[in-house]
Amino acid sequence: MIVAFSISPSTGDDTGSVSEAVAAAVRVVRESGLPNETNAMFTNIEGEWDEVMAVVKKAVDVVAAVSPRVGLVLKADIRPGWDGQLTAKVERVERLLGE
């Protein structure tokens, strides 16, 4: 499965930066060892249901440790028996664009 998720910490005021909390969440994902990528809007991670969801939970937990409120947006592509799709899906589109 591939999960795209975004964690939005709230600092509780208008002056705090959320970048450090977001960086802590991305660090959790990268240290998981699962295939992943981060872009301006989401972090994508690929693996089995239980392992991916455990990483998402841990990422939320590290943000919740420094933020009084956490928002989570999650989208999942659940396709049993398929792996390597984090890059393969993009490669298929790029190949068609190159034709």
N, C-alpha and C. Protein backbone atom coordinates (compact mmCIF):
# COMPACT_ATOMS: atom_id res chain seq x y z
N MET A 1 0.84 -1.17 0.00
CA MET A 1 0.00 0.00 0.00
C MET A 1 0.88 1.24 0.00
N ILE A 2 0.34 2.30 -0.58
CA ILE A 2 0.99 3.61 -0.52
C ILE A 2 0.08 4.53 0.27
N VAL A 3 0.67 5.25 1.20
CA VAL A 3 -0.08 6.23 1.97
C VAL A 3 0.56 7.60 1.76
N ALA A 4 -0.27 8.56 1.42
CA ALA A 4 0.15 9.96 1.37
C ALA A 4 -0.47 10.62 2.58
N PHE A 5 0.36 11.26 3.40
CA PHE A 5 -0.20 11.91 4.57
C PHE A 5 0.47 13.24 4.85
N SER A 6 -0.28 14.09 5.52
CA SER A 6 0.20 15.40 5.90
C SER A 6 -0.19 15.63 7.35
N ILE A 7 0.77 16.04 8.15
CA ILE A 7 0.53 16.34 9.55
C ILE A 7 0.64 17.85 9.73
N SER A 8 -0.37 18.44 10.36
CA SER A 8 -0.38 19.88 10.59
C SER A 8 -0.41 20.17 12.08
N PRO A 9 0.74 20.55 12.64
CA PRO A 9 0.77 20.90 14.05
C PRO A 9 0.22 22.31 14.26
N SER A 10 -0.34 22.53 15.42
CA SER A 10 -0.77 23.87 15.81
C SER A 10 0.12 24.31 16.95
N THR A 11 0.67 25.49 16.85
CA THR A 11 1.57 25.97 17.90
C THR A 11 0.82 26.61 19.06
N GLY A 12 -0.44 26.88 18.88
CA GLY A 12 -1.21 27.51 19.94
C GLY A 12 -1.14 29.02 19.91
N ASP A 13 -0.27 29.57 19.07
CA ASP A 13 -0.20 31.03 18.90
C ASP A 13 0.18 31.34 17.46
N ASP A 14 0.27 32.60 17.14
CA ASP A 14 0.56 32.99 15.77
C ASP A 14 2.04 33.15 15.48
N THR A 15 2.89 32.97 16.49
CA THR A 15 4.31 33.24 16.30
C THR A 15 5.16 32.00 16.11
N GLY A 16 4.65 30.85 16.50
CA GLY A 16 5.47 29.64 16.47
C GLY A 16 5.64 29.08 15.08
N SER A 17 6.78 28.43 14.85
CA SER A 17 7.05 27.78 13.58
C SER A 17 6.67 26.31 13.67
N VAL A 18 6.06 25.82 12.63
CA VAL A 18 5.70 24.40 12.61
C VAL A 18 6.77 23.56 11.92
N SER A 19 7.77 24.19 11.34
CA SER A 19 8.78 23.46 10.57
C SER A 19 9.52 22.42 11.40
N GLU A 20 9.86 22.73 12.63
CA GLU A 20 10.58 21.76 13.46
C GLU A 20 9.73 20.53 13.75
N ALA A 21 8.46 20.73 14.03
CA ALA A 21 7.57 19.60 14.29
C ALA A 21 7.39 18.74 13.04
N VAL A 22 7.24 19.39 11.90
CA VAL A 22 7.10 18.66 10.64
C VAL A 22 8.39 17.89 10.34
N ALA A 23 9.53 18.51 10.57
CA ALA A 23 10.82 17.83 10.36
C ALA A 23 10.93 16.60 11.25
N ALA A 24 10.46 16.69 12.47
CA ALA A 24 10.50 15.53 13.38
C ALA A 24 9.64 14.38 12.84
N ALA A 25 8.49 14.72 12.27
CA ALA A 25 7.62 13.70 11.69
C ALA A 25 8.26 13.05 10.47
N VAL A 26 8.86 13.86 9.62
CA VAL A 26 9.53 13.33 8.42
C VAL A 26 10.71 12.46 8.83
N ARG A 27 11.42 12.85 9.87
CA ARG A 27 12.54 12.05 10.38
C ARG A 27 12.07 10.65 10.77
N VAL A 28 10.92 10.56 11.43
CA VAL A 28 10.35 9.26 11.80
C VAL A 28 10.14 8.40 10.56
N VAL A 29 9.59 9.00 9.52
CA VAL A 29 9.32 8.27 8.28
C VAL A 29 10.63 7.79 7.66
N ARG A 30 11.60 8.67 7.56
CA ARG A 30 12.88 8.30 6.92
C ARG A 30 13.62 7.23 7.72
N GLU A 31 13.53 7.29 9.04
CA GLU A 31 14.20 6.29 9.87
C GLU A 31 13.48 4.94 9.87
N SER A 32 12.26 4.90 9.33
CA SER A 32 11.50 3.64 9.30
C SER A 32 12.11 2.62 8.36
N GLY A 33 12.86 3.09 7.37
CA GLY A 33 13.43 2.18 6.38
C GLY A 33 12.49 1.84 5.24
N LEU A 34 11.25 2.29 5.32
CA LEU A 34 10.28 2.03 4.24
C LEU A 34 10.51 3.02 3.11
N PRO A 35 10.21 2.62 1.87
CA PRO A 35 10.32 3.57 0.75
C PRO A 35 9.44 4.78 1.04
N ASN A 36 10.00 5.98 0.83
CA ASN A 36 9.23 7.19 1.11
C ASN A 36 9.76 8.35 0.30
N GLU A 37 8.96 9.38 0.23
CA GLU A 37 9.35 10.63 -0.40
C GLU A 37 8.52 11.74 0.23
N THR A 38 9.10 12.92 0.29
CA THR A 38 8.41 14.07 0.85
C THR A 38 8.39 15.18 -0.20
N ASN A 39 7.24 15.80 -0.36
CA ASN A 39 7.14 16.96 -1.25
C ASN A 39 6.53 18.12 -0.47
N ALA A 40 6.18 19.17 -1.13
CA ALA A 40 5.71 20.37 -0.45
C ALA A 40 4.38 20.17 0.28
N MET A 41 3.62 19.17 -0.09
CA MET A 41 2.30 18.99 0.48
C MET A 41 2.13 17.72 1.33
N PHE A 42 2.80 16.64 0.95
CA PHE A 42 2.60 15.35 1.61
C PHE A 42 3.90 14.59 1.75
N THR A 43 3.86 13.61 2.62
CA THR A 43 4.90 12.59 2.67
C THR A 43 4.24 11.29 2.23
N ASN A 44 4.88 10.58 1.31
CA ASN A 44 4.38 9.31 0.81
C ASN A 44 5.24 8.20 1.37
N ILE A 45 4.60 7.12 1.76
CA ILE A 45 5.32 5.98 2.32
C ILE A 45 4.68 4.70 1.79
N GLU A 46 5.50 3.69 1.52
CA GLU A 46 5.00 2.44 0.95
C GLU A 46 5.40 1.26 1.82
N GLY A 47 4.46 0.35 2.01
CA GLY A 47 4.74 -0.86 2.77
C GLY A 47 3.44 -1.60 3.08
N GLU A 48 3.53 -2.53 4.00
CA GLU A 48 2.34 -3.28 4.43
C GLU A 48 1.52 -2.43 5.39
N TRP A 49 0.22 -2.71 5.44
CA TRP A 49 -0.73 -1.93 6.24
C TRP A 49 -0.22 -1.63 7.64
N ASP A 50 0.10 -2.68 8.40
CA ASP A 50 0.48 -2.49 9.80
C ASP A 50 1.75 -1.67 9.97
N GLU A 51 2.73 -1.90 9.10
CA GLU A 51 3.98 -1.15 9.25
C GLU A 51 3.83 0.31 8.85
N VAL A 52 3.06 0.57 7.79
CA VAL A 52 2.84 1.95 7.36
C VAL A 52 2.04 2.72 8.41
N MET A 53 0.97 2.11 8.90
CA MET A 53 0.14 2.80 9.89
C MET A 53 0.90 3.03 11.20
N ALA A 54 1.78 2.12 11.56
CA ALA A 54 2.60 2.31 12.76
C ALA A 54 3.52 3.51 12.60
N VAL A 55 4.07 3.70 11.41
CA VAL A 55 4.95 4.85 11.15
C VAL A 55 4.14 6.14 11.19
N VAL A 56 2.95 6.14 10.59
CA VAL A 56 2.11 7.33 10.61
C VAL A 56 1.76 7.68 12.06
N LYS A 57 1.39 6.70 12.85
CA LYS A 57 1.06 6.95 14.26
C LYS A 57 2.25 7.52 15.01
N LYS A 58 3.43 6.95 14.81
CA LYS A 58 4.62 7.45 15.49
C LYS A 58 4.93 8.89 15.07
N ALA A 59 4.74 9.20 13.79
CA ALA A 59 4.96 10.57 13.29
C ALA A 59 3.98 11.53 13.95
N VAL A 60 2.71 11.13 14.07
CA VAL A 60 1.72 11.97 14.74
C VAL A 60 2.11 12.15 16.21
N ASP A 61 2.55 11.07 16.84
CA ASP A 61 2.92 11.15 18.27
C ASP A 61 4.06 12.12 18.53
N VAL A 62 5.08 12.16 17.65
CA VAL A 62 6.19 13.09 17.88
C VAL A 62 5.74 14.54 17.70
N VAL A 63 4.80 14.76 16.81
CA VAL A 63 4.26 16.11 16.64
C VAL A 63 3.37 16.47 17.83
N ALA A 64 2.55 15.54 18.27
CA ALA A 64 1.66 15.79 19.41
C ALA A 64 2.44 16.08 20.69
N ALA A 65 3.67 15.61 20.77
CA ALA A 65 4.49 15.86 21.95
C ALA A 65 4.88 17.33 22.08
N VAL A 66 4.84 18.07 20.96
CA VAL A 66 5.24 19.48 21.00
C VAL A 66 4.12 20.42 20.53
N SER A 67 2.96 19.88 20.25
CA SER A 67 1.87 20.69 19.72
C SER A 67 0.57 20.35 20.46
N PRO A 68 -0.18 21.37 20.85
CA PRO A 68 -1.42 21.09 21.57
C PRO A 68 -2.53 20.53 20.69
N ARG A 69 -2.34 20.62 19.38
CA ARG A 69 -3.36 20.13 18.46
C ARG A 69 -2.68 19.67 17.18
N VAL A 70 -3.13 18.54 16.63
CA VAL A 70 -2.52 17.99 15.42
C VAL A 70 -3.61 17.64 14.42
N GLY A 71 -3.43 18.08 13.19
CA GLY A 71 -4.34 17.69 12.11
C GLY A 71 -3.64 16.66 11.24
N LEU A 72 -4.40 15.67 10.76
CA LEU A 72 -3.84 14.62 9.91
C LEU A 72 -4.74 14.44 8.69
N VAL A 73 -4.14 14.51 7.51
CA VAL A 73 -4.83 14.19 6.26
C VAL A 73 -4.13 12.95 5.72
N LEU A 74 -4.89 11.92 5.36
CA LEU A 74 -4.31 10.67 4.91
C LEU A 74 -5.09 10.13 3.72
N LYS A 75 -4.36 9.72 2.71
CA LYS A 75 -4.96 9.07 1.55
C LYS A 75 -4.19 7.79 1.30
N ALA A 76 -4.88 6.69 1.07
CA ALA A 76 -4.22 5.40 0.90
C ALA A 76 -4.62 4.73 -0.41
N ASP A 77 -3.63 4.11 -1.06
CA ASP A 77 -3.85 3.27 -2.23
C ASP A 77 -3.57 1.85 -1.76
N ILE A 78 -4.63 1.11 -1.50
CA ILE A 78 -4.51 -0.24 -0.94
C ILE A 78 -4.65 -1.23 -2.09
N ARG A 79 -3.52 -1.86 -2.43
CA ARG A 79 -3.49 -2.76 -3.59
C ARG A 79 -2.63 -3.97 -3.23
N PRO A 80 -3.22 -4.96 -2.57
CA PRO A 80 -2.45 -6.13 -2.14
C PRO A 80 -1.71 -6.80 -3.29
N GLY A 81 -0.49 -7.22 -3.00
CA GLY A 81 0.31 -7.93 -3.99
C GLY A 81 1.16 -7.02 -4.86
N TRP A 82 1.03 -5.74 -4.71
CA TRP A 82 1.81 -4.79 -5.51
C TRP A 82 2.79 -4.07 -4.59
N ASP A 83 4.03 -3.98 -5.01
CA ASP A 83 4.99 -3.18 -4.28
C ASP A 83 5.86 -2.44 -5.30
N GLY A 84 6.67 -1.53 -4.81
CA GLY A 84 7.49 -0.74 -5.72
C GLY A 84 6.71 0.29 -6.49
N GLN A 85 5.47 0.55 -6.09
CA GLN A 85 4.60 1.44 -6.85
C GLN A 85 4.84 2.92 -6.55
N LEU A 86 5.56 3.21 -5.49
CA LEU A 86 5.87 4.59 -5.17
C LEU A 86 6.58 5.28 -6.34
N THR A 87 7.44 4.55 -6.99
CA THR A 87 8.13 5.10 -8.16
C THR A 87 7.54 4.60 -9.47
N ALA A 88 7.04 3.38 -9.49
CA ALA A 88 6.55 2.79 -10.74
C ALA A 88 5.35 3.54 -11.31
N LYS A 89 4.47 4.03 -10.44
CA LYS A 89 3.31 4.77 -10.93
C LYS A 89 3.74 6.03 -11.67
N VAL A 90 4.72 6.71 -11.13
CA VAL A 90 5.22 7.94 -11.76
C VAL A 90 5.96 7.60 -13.06
N GLU A 91 6.75 6.53 -13.03
CA GLU A 91 7.50 6.13 -14.22
C GLU A 91 6.58 5.81 -15.39
N ARG A 92 5.43 5.19 -15.12
CA ARG A 92 4.48 4.88 -16.20
C ARG A 92 3.95 6.17 -16.84
N VAL A 93 3.65 7.14 -16.04
CA VAL A 93 3.15 8.42 -16.58
C VAL A 93 4.25 9.14 -17.34
N GLU A 94 5.45 9.18 -16.77
CA GLU A 94 6.58 9.85 -17.44
C GLU A 94 6.88 9.20 -18.79
N ARG A 95 6.79 7.87 -18.86
CA ARG A 95 7.03 7.16 -20.11
C ARG A 95 6.01 7.59 -21.16
N LEU A 96 4.76 7.71 -20.77
CA LEU A 96 3.72 8.15 -21.71
C LEU A 96 3.93 9.60 -22.14
N LEU A 97 4.41 10.43 -21.25
CA LEU A 97 4.68 11.83 -21.59
C LEU A 97 5.85 11.95 -22.56
N GLY A 98 6.77 11.00 -22.49
CA GLY A 98 7.94 11.02 -23.36
C GLY A 98 7.68 10.50 -24.76
N GLU A 99 6.53 9.88 -24.98
CA GLU A 99 6.24 9.29 -26.29
C GLU A 99 5.86 10.35 -27.30
